[in-house]
C-alpha atoms as a PDB file:
ATOM      1  CA  UNK A   1      57.332 111.290 158.149  1.00  0.00           C
ATOM      2  CA  UNK A   2      59.377 109.622 155.410  1.00  0.00           C
ATOM      3  CA  UNK A   3      58.485 110.159 151.773  1.00  0.00           C
ATOM      4  CA  UNK A   4      56.451 107.242 150.432  1.00  0.00           C
ATOM      5  CA  UNK A   5      54.678 106.404 153.714  1.00  0.00           C
ATOM      6  CA  UNK A   6      51.121 105.296 152.974  1.00  0.00           C
ATOM      7  CA  UNK A   7      48.836 107.744 154.738  1.00  0.00           C
ATOM      8  CA  UNK A   8      45.520 106.186 153.796  1.00  0.00           C
ATOM      9  CA  UNK A   9      43.710 103.965 151.319  1.00  0.00           C
ATOM     10  CA  UNK A  10      40.404 104.785 149.657  1.00  0.00           C
ATOM     11  CA  UNK A  11      38.192 102.155 148.006  1.00  0.00           C
ATOM     12  CA  UNK A  12      36.370 102.385 144.678  1.00  0.00           C
ATOM     13  CA  UNK A  13      33.303 103.894 146.345  1.00  0.00           C
ATOM     14  CA  UNK A  14      35.336 106.741 147.861  1.00  0.00           C
ATOM     15  CA  UNK A  15      35.446 105.449 151.455  1.00  0.00           C
ATOM     16  CA  UNK A  16      38.553 105.421 153.614  1.00  0.00           C
ATOM     17  CA  UNK A  17      39.450 101.768 154.225  1.00  0.00           C
ATOM     18  CA  UNK A  18      42.831 102.183 155.932  1.00  0.00           C
ATOM     19  CA  UNK A  19      44.209 105.050 157.975  1.00  0.00           C
ATOM     20  CA  UNK A  20      47.846 104.863 158.974  1.00  0.00           C
ATOM     21  CA  UNK A  21      49.728 106.370 161.873  1.00  0.00           C
ATOM     22  CA  UNK A  22      51.312 108.999 159.576  1.00  0.00           C
ATOM     23  CA  UNK A  23      47.780 110.138 158.592  1.00  0.00           C
ATOM     24  CA  UNK A  24      46.855 110.472 162.260  1.00  0.00           C
ATOM     25  CA  UNK A  25      49.892 112.690 162.779  1.00  0.00           C
ATOM     26  CA  UNK A  26      49.294 114.771 159.657  1.00  0.00           C
ATOM     27  CA  UNK A  27      45.497 115.185 159.755  1.00  0.00           C
ATOM     28  CA  UNK A  28      44.827 114.879 163.491  1.00  0.00           C
ATOM     29  CA  UNK A  29      42.147 112.165 163.197  1.00  0.00           C
ATOM     30  CA  UNK A  30      42.381 108.688 164.675  1.00  0.00           C
ATOM     31  CA  UNK A  31      41.795 105.609 162.525  1.00  0.00           C
ATOM     32  CA  UNK A  32      38.525 105.046 164.388  1.00  0.00           C
ATOM     33  CA  UNK A  33      37.299 108.488 163.287  1.00  0.00           C
ATOM     34  CA  UNK A  34      38.456 108.199 159.673  1.00  0.00           C
ATOM     35  CA  UNK A  35      37.876 104.616 158.488  1.00  0.00           C
ATOM     36  CA  UNK A  36      34.486 104.322 156.824  1.00  0.00           C
ATOM     37  CA  UNK A  37      34.221 108.069 156.124  1.00  0.00           C
ATOM     38  CA  UNK A  38      33.694 109.157 152.551  1.00  0.00           C
ATOM     39  CA  UNK A  39      36.598 111.161 151.200  1.00  0.00           C
ATOM     40  CA  UNK A  40      34.167 113.908 150.207  1.00  0.00           C
ATOM     41  CA  UNK A  41      32.868 114.226 153.779  1.00  0.00           C
ATOM     42  CA  UNK A  42      36.424 114.062 155.083  1.00  0.00           C
ATOM     43  CA  UNK A  43      37.554 116.928 152.819  1.00  0.00           C
ATOM     44  CA  UNK A  44      34.494 119.023 153.717  1.00  0.00           C
ATOM     45  CA  UNK A  45      35.227 118.587 157.406  1.00  0.00           C
ATOM     46  CA  UNK A  46      38.904 119.439 156.918  1.00  0.00           C
ATOM     47  CA  UNK A  47      37.907 122.646 155.154  1.00  0.00           C
ATOM     48  CA  UNK A  48      35.269 123.517 157.774  1.00  0.00           C
ATOM     49  CA  UNK A  49      37.724 122.840 160.612  1.00  0.00           C
ATOM     50  CA  UNK A  50      40.642 124.244 158.659  1.00  0.00           C
ATOM     51  CA  UNK A  51      42.298 126.380 161.298  1.00  0.00           C
ATOM     52  CA  UNK A  52      42.896 123.544 163.754  1.00  0.00           C
ATOM     53  CA  UNK A  53      43.814 121.026 161.048  1.00  0.00           C
ATOM     54  CA  UNK A  54      46.043 123.410 159.063  1.00  0.00           C
ATOM     55  CA  UNK A  55      48.292 123.981 162.072  1.00  0.00           C
ATOM     56  CA  UNK A  56      49.656 120.444 161.636  1.00  0.00           C
ATOM     57  CA  UNK A  57      50.554 120.962 157.958  1.00  0.00           C
ATOM     58  CA  UNK A  58      53.993 122.169 156.999  1.00  0.00           C
ATOM     59  CA  UNK A  59      54.424 124.413 153.963  1.00  0.00           C
ATOM     60  CA  UNK A  60      56.775 121.726 152.640  1.00  0.00           C
ATOM     61  CA  UNK A  61      54.237 118.897 153.038  1.00  0.00           C
ATOM     62  CA  UNK A  62      52.826 117.294 149.928  1.00  0.00           C
ATOM     63  CA  UNK A  63      50.823 114.172 149.196  1.00  0.00           C
ATOM     64  CA  UNK A  64      50.746 111.900 146.185  1.00  0.00           C
ATOM     65  CA  UNK A  65      47.629 109.982 145.160  1.00  0.00           C
ATOM     66  CA  UNK A  66      48.179 106.792 143.179  1.00  0.00           C
ATOM     67  CA  UNK A  67      45.953 103.914 142.096  1.00  0.00           C
ATOM     68  CA  UNK A  68      46.928 100.475 143.411  1.00  0.00           C
ATOM     69  CA  UNK A  69      45.553  97.022 142.695  1.00  0.00           C
ATOM     70  CA  UNK A  70      44.407  95.096 145.769  1.00  0.00           C
ATOM     71  CA  UNK A  71      43.133  91.692 144.768  1.00  0.00           C
ATOM     72  CA  UNK A  72      40.742  92.463 141.928  1.00  0.00           C
ATOM     73  CA  UNK A  73      39.875  95.965 143.156  1.00  0.00           C
ATOM     74  CA  UNK A  74      41.503  99.303 142.552  1.00  0.00           C
ATOM     75  CA  UNK A  75      42.183 101.359 145.674  1.00  0.00           C
ATOM     76  CA  UNK A  76      43.684 104.811 145.891  1.00  0.00           C
ATOM     77  CA  UNK A  77      46.777 105.305 148.019  1.00  0.00           C
ATOM     78  CA  UNK A  78      47.592 108.658 149.507  1.00  0.00           C
ATOM     79  CA  UNK A  79      51.347 108.745 150.075  1.00  0.00           C
ATOM     80  CA  UNK A  80      53.482 111.235 151.960  1.00  0.00           C
ATOM     81  CA  UNK A  81      55.696 113.315 149.720  1.00  0.00           C
ATOM     82  CA  UNK A  82      57.832 116.331 150.459  1.00  0.00           C
ATOM     83  CA  UNK A  83      58.483 119.338 148.293  1.00  0.00           C
ATOM     84  CA  UNK A  84      61.860 120.995 148.402  1.00  0.00           C
ATOM     85  CA  UNK A  85      61.514 124.513 149.723  1.00  0.00           C
ATOM     86  CA  UNK A  86      63.877 126.977 148.113  1.00  0.00           C
ATOM     87  CA  UNK A  87      64.198 130.551 149.024  1.00  0.00           C
END
């Protein structure tokens, strides 16, 4: 997954409004499962189902969360980012 890929968008009320293919690959949920979910519920479920979900995360994986203007509304973008792993 290239750095800067938009994983998902969250609206002002905290609901997932877009769920991209990279998010499906990273989190293991389809767009149908994720869109409309509150981010809080989503995070709780990720934590509760952590073992299965964590297997898809690399130690080098990172995400960036940035505000973005869409029309007259602010949405939150979650972007793929990668940390350099040094040993």
